[in-house]
Amino acid sequence: MRGTFIIELQGELDMLAYLELGPRVQALACPAAHDVVVDLRAVTFLDASGIRLLLAVREHVAPQGDELRLVRGIPRVWKVLRIVRVDHAFTVLDALPPILLGGAAALRDERTSA
């Protein structure tokens, strides 16, 4: 049975987040037959390390036939993805579909901006 993991990120998605969250996100995305949704709505900053994390998760789930979808974040965060031309590498949602809110497993990152 297919499932979906929702990963809600908050604050800065930078080198520190990559080092702290990378292993956790990879472990969460590891089980077979699970799509992954990364919710970027509460992300306030995104740099190359954050992009690297998103691409690593995408590459991790793709060989299993799973999909990584992103919930579009604030304009300045999304602009970074557009500038480096990786926005097209993801399926993009404007919001979490209601069907996913009921039974999906979630990893919440409570990090805040410094």
C-alpha atoms as a PDB file:
ATOM      1  CA  MET A   1       0.000   0.000   0.000  1.00  0.00           C
ATOM      2  CA  ARG A   2       1.366   3.401  -0.999  1.00  0.00           C
ATOM      3  CA  GLY A   3       1.772   6.126   1.539  1.00  0.00           C
ATOM      4  CA  THR A   4       2.980   9.684   1.632  1.00  0.00           C
ATOM      5  CA  PHE A   5       5.427  11.275   4.026  1.00  0.00           C
ATOM      6  CA  ILE A   6       5.004  14.993   4.628  1.00  0.00           C
ATOM      7  CA  ILE A   7       8.101  16.873   5.730  1.00  0.00           C
ATOM      8  CA  GLU A   8       7.306  20.345   7.062  1.00  0.00           C
ATOM      9  CA  LEU A   9      10.349  22.601   7.240  1.00  0.00           C
ATOM     10  CA  GLN A  10      10.562  25.915   9.090  1.00  0.00           C
ATOM     11  CA  GLY A  11      13.161  28.652   9.306  1.00  0.00           C
ATOM     12  CA  GLU A  12      16.410  28.600   7.383  1.00  0.00           C
ATOM     13  CA  LEU A  13      17.227  25.782   4.993  1.00  0.00           C
ATOM     14  CA  ASP A  14      20.992  26.291   4.918  1.00  0.00           C
ATOM     15  CA  MET A  15      24.223  24.382   5.625  1.00  0.00           C
ATOM     16  CA  LEU A  16      23.309  23.824   9.274  1.00  0.00           C
ATOM     17  CA  ALA A  17      19.895  22.480   8.287  1.00  0.00           C
ATOM     18  CA  TYR A  18      21.531  20.271   5.675  1.00  0.00           C
ATOM     19  CA  LEU A  19      23.881  18.784   8.274  1.00  0.00           C
ATOM     20  CA  GLU A  20      21.178  18.382  10.927  1.00  0.00           C
ATOM     21  CA  LEU A  21      18.240  17.345   8.782  1.00  0.00           C
ATOM     22  CA  GLY A  22      19.921  15.539   5.901  1.00  0.00           C
ATOM     23  CA  PRO A  23      20.246  12.169   7.662  1.00  0.00           C
ATOM     24  CA  ARG A  24      16.755  12.444   9.199  1.00  0.00           C
ATOM     25  CA  VAL A  25      15.118  13.336   5.916  1.00  0.00           C
ATOM     26  CA  GLN A  26      17.004  10.596   4.069  1.00  0.00           C
ATOM     27  CA  ALA A  27      15.944   8.038   6.693  1.00  0.00           C
ATOM     28  CA  LEU A  28      12.327   9.146   6.464  1.00  0.00           C
ATOM     29  CA  ALA A  29      12.371   8.951   2.682  1.00  0.00           C
ATOM     30  CA  CYS A  30      14.006   5.521   2.782  1.00  0.00           C
ATOM     31  CA  PRO A  31      11.039   3.115   3.034  1.00  0.00           C
ATOM     32  CA  ALA A  32       9.934   1.793  -0.331  1.00  0.00           C
ATOM     33  CA  ALA A  33       6.583   2.753  -1.843  1.00  0.00           C
ATOM     34  CA  HIS A  34       6.268   6.157  -0.226  1.00  0.00           C
ATOM     35  CA  ASP A  35       5.966   9.478  -1.964  1.00  0.00           C
ATOM     36  CA  VAL A  36       7.442  12.471  -0.153  1.00  0.00           C
ATOM     37  CA  VAL A  37       5.988  15.971   0.118  1.00  0.00           C
ATOM     38  CA  VAL A  38       8.291  18.710   1.414  1.00  0.00           C
ATOM     39  CA  ASP A  39       6.314  21.699   2.677  1.00  0.00           C
ATOM     40  CA  LEU A  40       8.374  24.870   2.172  1.00  0.00           C
ATOM     41  CA  ARG A  41       5.694  27.376   3.254  1.00  0.00           C
ATOM     42  CA  ALA A  42       7.427  28.177   6.569  1.00  0.00           C
ATOM     43  CA  VAL A  43      10.974  28.289   5.150  1.00  0.00           C
ATOM     44  CA  THR A  44      12.360  31.825   5.406  1.00  0.00           C
ATOM     45  CA  PHE A  45      15.761  31.322   3.753  1.00  0.00           C
ATOM     46  CA  LEU A  46      17.135  28.886   1.190  1.00  0.00           C
ATOM     47  CA  ASP A  47      20.732  28.578   0.004  1.00  0.00           C
ATOM     48  CA  ALA A  48      22.724  26.077  -2.053  1.00  0.00           C
ATOM     49  CA  SER A  49      22.841  23.600   0.832  1.00  0.00           C
ATOM     50  CA  GLY A  50      19.064  23.652   1.107  1.00  0.00           C
ATOM     51  CA  ILE A  51      18.751  23.050  -2.617  1.00  0.00           C
ATOM     52  CA  ARG A  52      21.266  20.233  -2.275  1.00  0.00           C
ATOM     53  CA  LEU A  53      19.083  18.643   0.416  1.00  0.00           C
ATOM     54  CA  LEU A  54      15.959  18.835  -1.760  1.00  0.00           C
ATOM     55  CA  LEU A  55      17.778  17.360  -4.755  1.00  0.00           C
ATOM     56  CA  ALA A  56      19.265  14.577  -2.607  1.00  0.00           C
ATOM     57  CA  VAL A  57      15.820  13.574  -1.394  1.00  0.00           C
ATOM     58  CA  ARG A  58      14.511  13.607  -4.967  1.00  0.00           C
ATOM     59  CA  GLU A  59      17.373  11.397  -6.123  1.00  0.00           C
ATOM     60  CA  HIS A  60      16.803   9.083  -3.161  1.00  0.00           C
ATOM     61  CA  VAL A  61      13.120   8.430  -3.832  1.00  0.00           C
ATOM     62  CA  ALA A  62      13.207   8.401  -7.651  1.00  0.00           C
ATOM     63  CA  PRO A  63      14.871   4.973  -8.140  1.00  0.00           C
ATOM     64  CA  GLN A  64      12.087   3.429  -6.065  1.00  0.00           C
ATOM     65  CA  GLY A  65       9.493   4.902  -8.410  1.00  0.00           C
ATOM     66  CA  ASP A  66       8.385   7.352  -5.756  1.00  0.00           C
ATOM     67  CA  GLU A  67       7.824  11.056  -6.228  1.00  0.00           C
ATOM     68  CA  LEU A  68       9.058  14.123  -4.384  1.00  0.00           C
ATOM     69  CA  ARG A  69       6.626  17.028  -4.416  1.00  0.00           C
ATOM     70  CA  LEU A  70       7.247  20.494  -3.010  1.00  0.00           C
ATOM     71  CA  VAL A  71       4.660  22.791  -1.485  1.00  0.00           C
ATOM     72  CA  ARG A  72       5.610  26.214  -2.811  1.00  0.00           C
ATOM     73  CA  GLY A  73       7.165  28.517  -0.240  1.00  0.00           C
ATOM     74  CA  ILE A  74       7.280  32.276   0.101  1.00  0.00           C
ATOM     75  CA  PRO A  75       8.264  34.174  -3.063  1.00  0.00           C
ATOM     76  CA  ARG A  76      11.870  34.902  -2.061  1.00  0.00           C
ATOM     77  CA  VAL A  77      12.502  31.211  -1.308  1.00  0.00           C
ATOM     78  CA  TRP A  78      10.873  30.073  -4.528  1.00  0.00           C
ATOM     79  CA  LYS A  79      12.850  32.704  -6.452  1.00  0.00           C
ATOM     80  CA  VAL A  80      16.100  31.006  -5.412  1.00  0.00           C
ATOM     81  CA  LEU A  81      14.889  27.726  -6.926  1.00  0.00           C
ATOM     82  CA  ARG A  82      13.915  29.551 -10.126  1.00  0.00           C
ATOM     83  CA  ILE A  83      17.220  31.446 -10.389  1.00  0.00           C
ATOM     84  CA  VAL A  84      19.276  28.254 -10.243  1.00  0.00           C
ATOM     85  CA  ARG A  85      16.756  26.579 -12.558  1.00  0.00           C
ATOM     86  CA  VAL A  86      15.854  23.627 -10.382  1.00  0.00           C
ATOM     87  CA  ASP A  87      12.207  24.593  -9.870  1.00  0.00           C
ATOM     88  CA  HIS A  88      11.290  22.439 -12.881  1.00  0.00           C
ATOM     89  CA  ALA A  89      12.970  19.411 -11.261  1.00  0.00           C
ATOM     90  CA  PHE A  90      10.059  19.024  -8.843  1.00  0.00           C
ATOM     91  CA  THR A  91       6.330  18.556  -8.960  1.00  0.00           C
ATOM     92  CA  VAL A  92       5.050  21.717  -7.288  1.00  0.00           C
ATOM     93  CA  LEU A  93       1.924  22.124  -5.177  1.00  0.00           C
ATOM     94  CA  ASP A  94       0.471  25.435  -4.007  1.00  0.00           C
ATOM     95  CA  ALA A  95      -0.935  23.781  -0.858  1.00  0.00           C
ATOM     96  CA  LEU A  96      -1.172  20.384   0.763  1.00  0.00           C
ATOM     97  CA  PRO A  97      -4.065  18.440  -0.769  1.00  0.00           C
ATOM     98  CA  PRO A  98      -6.704  17.759   1.915  1.00  0.00           C
ATOM     99  CA  ILE A  99      -6.446  14.018   1.311  1.00  0.00           C
ATOM    100  CA  LEU A 100      -2.826  14.111   2.512  1.00  0.00           C
ATOM    101  CA  LEU A 101      -3.614  15.875   5.772  1.00  0.00           C
ATOM    102  CA  GLY A 102      -5.397  12.899   7.327  1.00  0.00           C
ATOM    103  CA  GLY A 103      -3.116   9.893   7.458  1.00  0.00           C
ATOM    104  CA  ALA A 104       0.307  10.916   6.269  1.00  0.00           C
ATOM    105  CA  ALA A 105       3.368  10.494   8.452  1.00  0.00           C
ATOM    106  CA  ALA A 106       5.104  13.788   9.143  1.00  0.00           C
ATOM    107  CA  LEU A 107       8.494  15.068  10.247  1.00  0.00           C
ATOM    108  CA  ARG A 108       8.352  18.587  11.608  1.00  0.00           C
ATOM    109  CA  ASP A 109      11.468  20.677  11.903  1.00  0.00           C
ATOM    110  CA  GLU A 110      11.042  23.217  14.683  1.00  0.00           C
ATOM    111  CA  ARG A 111      14.218  25.188  13.860  1.00  0.00           C
ATOM    112  CA  THR A 112      13.794  28.938  13.849  1.00  0.00           C
ATOM    113  CA  SER A 113      15.791  31.720  12.302  1.00  0.00           C
ATOM    114  CA  ALA A 114      18.639  33.107  14.398  1.00  0.00           C
END
